[in-house]
């Protein structure tokens, strides 16, 4: 490599490393956010309790101790429903036919870089 180009590459790398360090140092100093105001525990707990009560009455009649049933996507048994496989539409589907290629005529140009 030419010594002049080598010096230019080294200078670019050094400048990038220095700029990265500057961005990280000043970025970490400036990222501290002001402290959140402290809310007294009694008012915070009261607002949380009120939110829980309103959410429980609005969304569902379930109590916190009750467990929701599993969704119907995950059945409780190990059987597989074969109704789709037995349907007429499924039986009409065509089976897989592998592609057949004749290497003598269907492999493309012998020299793809040559203009024809």
C-alpha atoms as a PDB file:
ATOM      1  CA  UNK A   1       0.000   0.000   0.000  1.00  0.00           C
ATOM      2  CA  UNK A   2       1.157   3.483  -0.786  1.00  0.00           C
ATOM      3  CA  UNK A   3       2.555   5.266   2.353  1.00  0.00           C
ATOM      4  CA  UNK A   4       0.475   8.374   1.597  1.00  0.00           C
ATOM      5  CA  UNK A   5      -2.770   6.348   1.448  1.00  0.00           C
ATOM      6  CA  UNK A   6      -1.769   4.478   4.586  1.00  0.00           C
ATOM      7  CA  UNK A   7      -1.351   7.756   6.503  1.00  0.00           C
ATOM      8  CA  UNK A   8      -4.736   8.969   5.257  1.00  0.00           C
ATOM      9  CA  UNK A   9      -6.461   5.745   6.361  1.00  0.00           C
ATOM     10  CA  UNK A  10      -4.800   5.871   9.782  1.00  0.00           C
ATOM     11  CA  UNK A  11      -5.820   9.508  10.199  1.00  0.00           C
ATOM     12  CA  UNK A  12      -9.440   8.708   9.293  1.00  0.00           C
ATOM     13  CA  UNK A  13      -9.535   5.817  11.765  1.00  0.00           C
ATOM     14  CA  UNK A  14      -8.054   7.961  14.546  1.00  0.00           C
ATOM     15  CA  UNK A  15     -10.544  10.759  13.894  1.00  0.00           C
ATOM     16  CA  UNK A  16     -13.448   8.279  13.943  1.00  0.00           C
ATOM     17  CA  UNK A  17     -12.276   6.764  17.236  1.00  0.00           C
ATOM     18  CA  UNK A  18     -11.883  10.211  18.835  1.00  0.00           C
ATOM     19  CA  UNK A  19     -15.298  11.355  17.613  1.00  0.00           C
ATOM     20  CA  UNK A  20     -16.894   8.150  18.896  1.00  0.00           C
ATOM     21  CA  UNK A  21     -15.323   8.681  22.316  1.00  0.00           C
ATOM     22  CA  UNK A  22     -16.543  12.301  22.405  1.00  0.00           C
ATOM     23  CA  UNK A  23     -20.089  11.306  21.463  1.00  0.00           C
ATOM     24  CA  UNK A  24     -20.149   8.560  24.093  1.00  0.00           C
ATOM     25  CA  UNK A  25     -18.741  10.764  26.881  1.00  0.00           C
ATOM     26  CA  UNK A  26     -21.034  13.708  26.228  1.00  0.00           C
ATOM     27  CA  UNK A  27     -23.961  11.438  25.426  1.00  0.00           C
ATOM     28  CA  UNK A  28     -23.707   9.653  28.758  1.00  0.00           C
ATOM     29  CA  UNK A  29     -23.360  12.900  30.687  1.00  0.00           C
ATOM     30  CA  UNK A  30     -26.356  14.475  29.002  1.00  0.00           C
ATOM     31  CA  UNK A  31     -28.621  11.429  29.231  1.00  0.00           C
ATOM     32  CA  UNK A  32     -29.353  11.731  32.923  1.00  0.00           C
ATOM     33  CA  UNK A  33     -32.998  12.629  33.324  1.00  0.00           C
ATOM     34  CA  UNK A  34     -34.355  14.689  36.190  1.00  0.00           C
ATOM     35  CA  UNK A  35     -35.640  12.751  39.149  1.00  0.00           C
ATOM     36  CA  UNK A  36     -39.325  11.934  39.106  1.00  0.00           C
ATOM     37  CA  UNK A  37     -41.373  13.738  41.741  1.00  0.00           C
ATOM     38  CA  UNK A  38     -42.081  11.594  44.774  1.00  0.00           C
ATOM     39  CA  UNK A  39     -45.746  10.756  45.340  1.00  0.00           C
ATOM     40  CA  UNK A  40     -46.838   9.928  48.860  1.00  0.00           C
ATOM     41  CA  UNK A  41     -47.428   6.197  49.285  1.00  0.00           C
ATOM     42  CA  UNK A  42     -50.971   6.553  50.579  1.00  0.00           C
ATOM     43  CA  UNK A  43     -52.248   8.478  47.550  1.00  0.00           C
ATOM     44  CA  UNK A  44     -50.357   6.197  45.163  1.00  0.00           C
ATOM     45  CA  UNK A  45     -51.802   3.058  46.738  1.00  0.00           C
ATOM     46  CA  UNK A  46     -55.305   4.548  46.728  1.00  0.00           C
ATOM     47  CA  UNK A  47     -55.080   5.424  43.027  1.00  0.00           C
ATOM     48  CA  UNK A  48     -53.779   1.938  42.190  1.00  0.00           C
ATOM     49  CA  UNK A  49     -56.584   0.282  44.139  1.00  0.00           C
ATOM     50  CA  UNK A  50     -59.162   2.456  42.412  1.00  0.00           C
ATOM     51  CA  UNK A  51     -57.677   1.647  38.988  1.00  0.00           C
ATOM     52  CA  UNK A  52     -57.754  -2.079  39.775  1.00  0.00           C
ATOM     53  CA  UNK A  53     -61.387  -1.898  40.821  1.00  0.00           C
ATOM     54  CA  UNK A  54     -62.504   0.018  37.754  1.00  0.00           C
ATOM     55  CA  UNK A  55     -60.521  -2.228  35.407  1.00  0.00           C
ATOM     56  CA  UNK A  56     -61.954  -5.353  37.002  1.00  0.00           C
ATOM     57  CA  UNK A  57     -65.533  -4.136  36.651  1.00  0.00           C
ATOM     58  CA  UNK A  58     -65.035  -2.885  33.079  1.00  0.00           C
ATOM     59  CA  UNK A  59     -63.162  -5.741  31.437  1.00  0.00           C
ATOM     60  CA  UNK A  60     -64.530  -8.950  32.879  1.00  0.00           C
ATOM     61  CA  UNK A  61     -66.531 -10.335  35.793  1.00  0.00           C
ATOM     62  CA  UNK A  62     -63.614 -12.601  36.802  1.00  0.00           C
ATOM     63  CA  UNK A  63     -62.085 -12.281  40.221  1.00  0.00           C
ATOM     64  CA  UNK A  64     -58.337 -12.109  40.667  1.00  0.00           C
ATOM     65  CA  UNK A  65     -58.228 -15.653  42.069  1.00  0.00           C
ATOM     66  CA  UNK A  66     -60.004 -17.188  39.045  1.00  0.00           C
ATOM     67  CA  UNK A  67     -58.017 -18.572  36.141  1.00  0.00           C
ATOM     68  CA  UNK A  68     -59.009 -18.072  32.519  1.00  0.00           C
ATOM     69  CA  UNK A  69     -59.584 -21.218  30.450  1.00  0.00           C
ATOM     70  CA  UNK A  70     -57.069 -22.016  27.710  1.00  0.00           C
ATOM     71  CA  UNK A  71     -57.936 -20.658  24.281  1.00  0.00           C
ATOM     72  CA  UNK A  72     -59.517 -23.103  21.815  1.00  0.00           C
ATOM     73  CA  UNK A  73     -56.351 -23.027  19.698  1.00  0.00           C
ATOM     74  CA  UNK A  74     -54.647 -25.262  22.259  1.00  0.00           C
ATOM     75  CA  UNK A  75     -56.913 -28.268  22.813  1.00  0.00           C
ATOM     76  CA  UNK A  76     -56.772 -30.252  26.003  1.00  0.00           C
ATOM     77  CA  UNK A  77     -56.491 -33.587  24.200  1.00  0.00           C
ATOM     78  CA  UNK A  78     -53.829 -35.117  21.968  1.00  0.00           C
ATOM     79  CA  UNK A  79     -56.078 -35.996  19.016  1.00  0.00           C
ATOM     80  CA  UNK A  80     -55.618 -34.475  15.571  1.00  0.00           C
ATOM     81  CA  UNK A  81     -58.691 -33.326  13.676  1.00  0.00           C
ATOM     82  CA  UNK A  82     -58.519 -34.903  10.223  1.00  0.00           C
ATOM     83  CA  UNK A  83     -61.674 -33.282   8.853  1.00  0.00           C
ATOM     84  CA  UNK A  84     -59.610 -31.097   6.502  1.00  0.00           C
ATOM     85  CA  UNK A  85     -57.688 -34.085   5.179  1.00  0.00           C
ATOM     86  CA  UNK A  86     -60.913 -35.979   4.502  1.00  0.00           C
ATOM     87  CA  UNK A  87     -62.627 -33.126   2.651  1.00  0.00           C
ATOM     88  CA  UNK A  88     -63.265 -33.263  -1.099  1.00  0.00           C
ATOM     89  CA  UNK A  89     -61.401 -30.011  -1.773  1.00  0.00           C
ATOM     90  CA  UNK A  90     -58.234 -31.398  -0.166  1.00  0.00           C
ATOM     91  CA  UNK A  91     -58.454 -34.575  -2.219  1.00  0.00           C
ATOM     92  CA  UNK A  92     -58.694 -32.501  -5.431  1.00  0.00           C
ATOM     93  CA  UNK A  93     -55.259 -30.999  -4.863  1.00  0.00           C
ATOM     94  CA  UNK A  94     -52.575 -32.154  -7.270  1.00  0.00           C
ATOM     95  CA  UNK A  95     -49.601 -34.071  -5.849  1.00  0.00           C
ATOM     96  CA  UNK A  96     -46.119 -32.575  -6.079  1.00  0.00           C
ATOM     97  CA  UNK A  97     -44.448 -33.073  -9.442  1.00  0.00           C
ATOM     98  CA  UNK A  98     -40.664 -32.574  -9.355  1.00  0.00           C
ATOM     99  CA  UNK A  99     -39.225 -30.409 -12.107  1.00  0.00           C
ATOM    100  CA  UNK A 100     -37.321 -32.149 -14.858  1.00  0.00           C
ATOM    101  CA  UNK A 101     -34.480 -30.270 -16.511  1.00  0.00           C
ATOM    102  CA  UNK A 102     -32.646 -31.389 -19.607  1.00  0.00           C
ATOM    103  CA  UNK A 103     -29.008 -30.359 -18.983  1.00  0.00           C
ATOM    104  CA  UNK A 104     -28.247 -30.188 -22.682  1.00  0.00           C
ATOM    105  CA  UNK A 105     -30.861 -27.577 -23.574  1.00  0.00           C
ATOM    106  CA  UNK A 106     -32.293 -25.974 -20.429  1.00  0.00           C
ATOM    107  CA  UNK A 107     -29.315 -24.823 -18.385  1.00  0.00           C
ATOM    108  CA  UNK A 108     -29.027 -21.386 -19.969  1.00  0.00           C
ATOM    109  CA  UNK A 109     -26.228 -19.755 -21.867  1.00  0.00           C
ATOM    110  CA  UNK A 110     -22.884 -21.527 -22.041  1.00  0.00           C
ATOM    111  CA  UNK A 111     -21.083 -18.199 -21.482  1.00  0.00           C
ATOM    112  CA  UNK A 112     -23.303 -15.673 -19.655  1.00  0.00           C
ATOM    113  CA  UNK A 113     -20.752 -12.866 -20.119  1.00  0.00           C
ATOM    114  CA  UNK A 114     -20.655 -13.170 -23.876  1.00  0.00           C
ATOM    115  CA  UNK A 115     -22.993 -10.861 -25.800  1.00  0.00           C
ATOM    116  CA  UNK A 116     -25.294 -12.687 -28.216  1.00  0.00           C
END
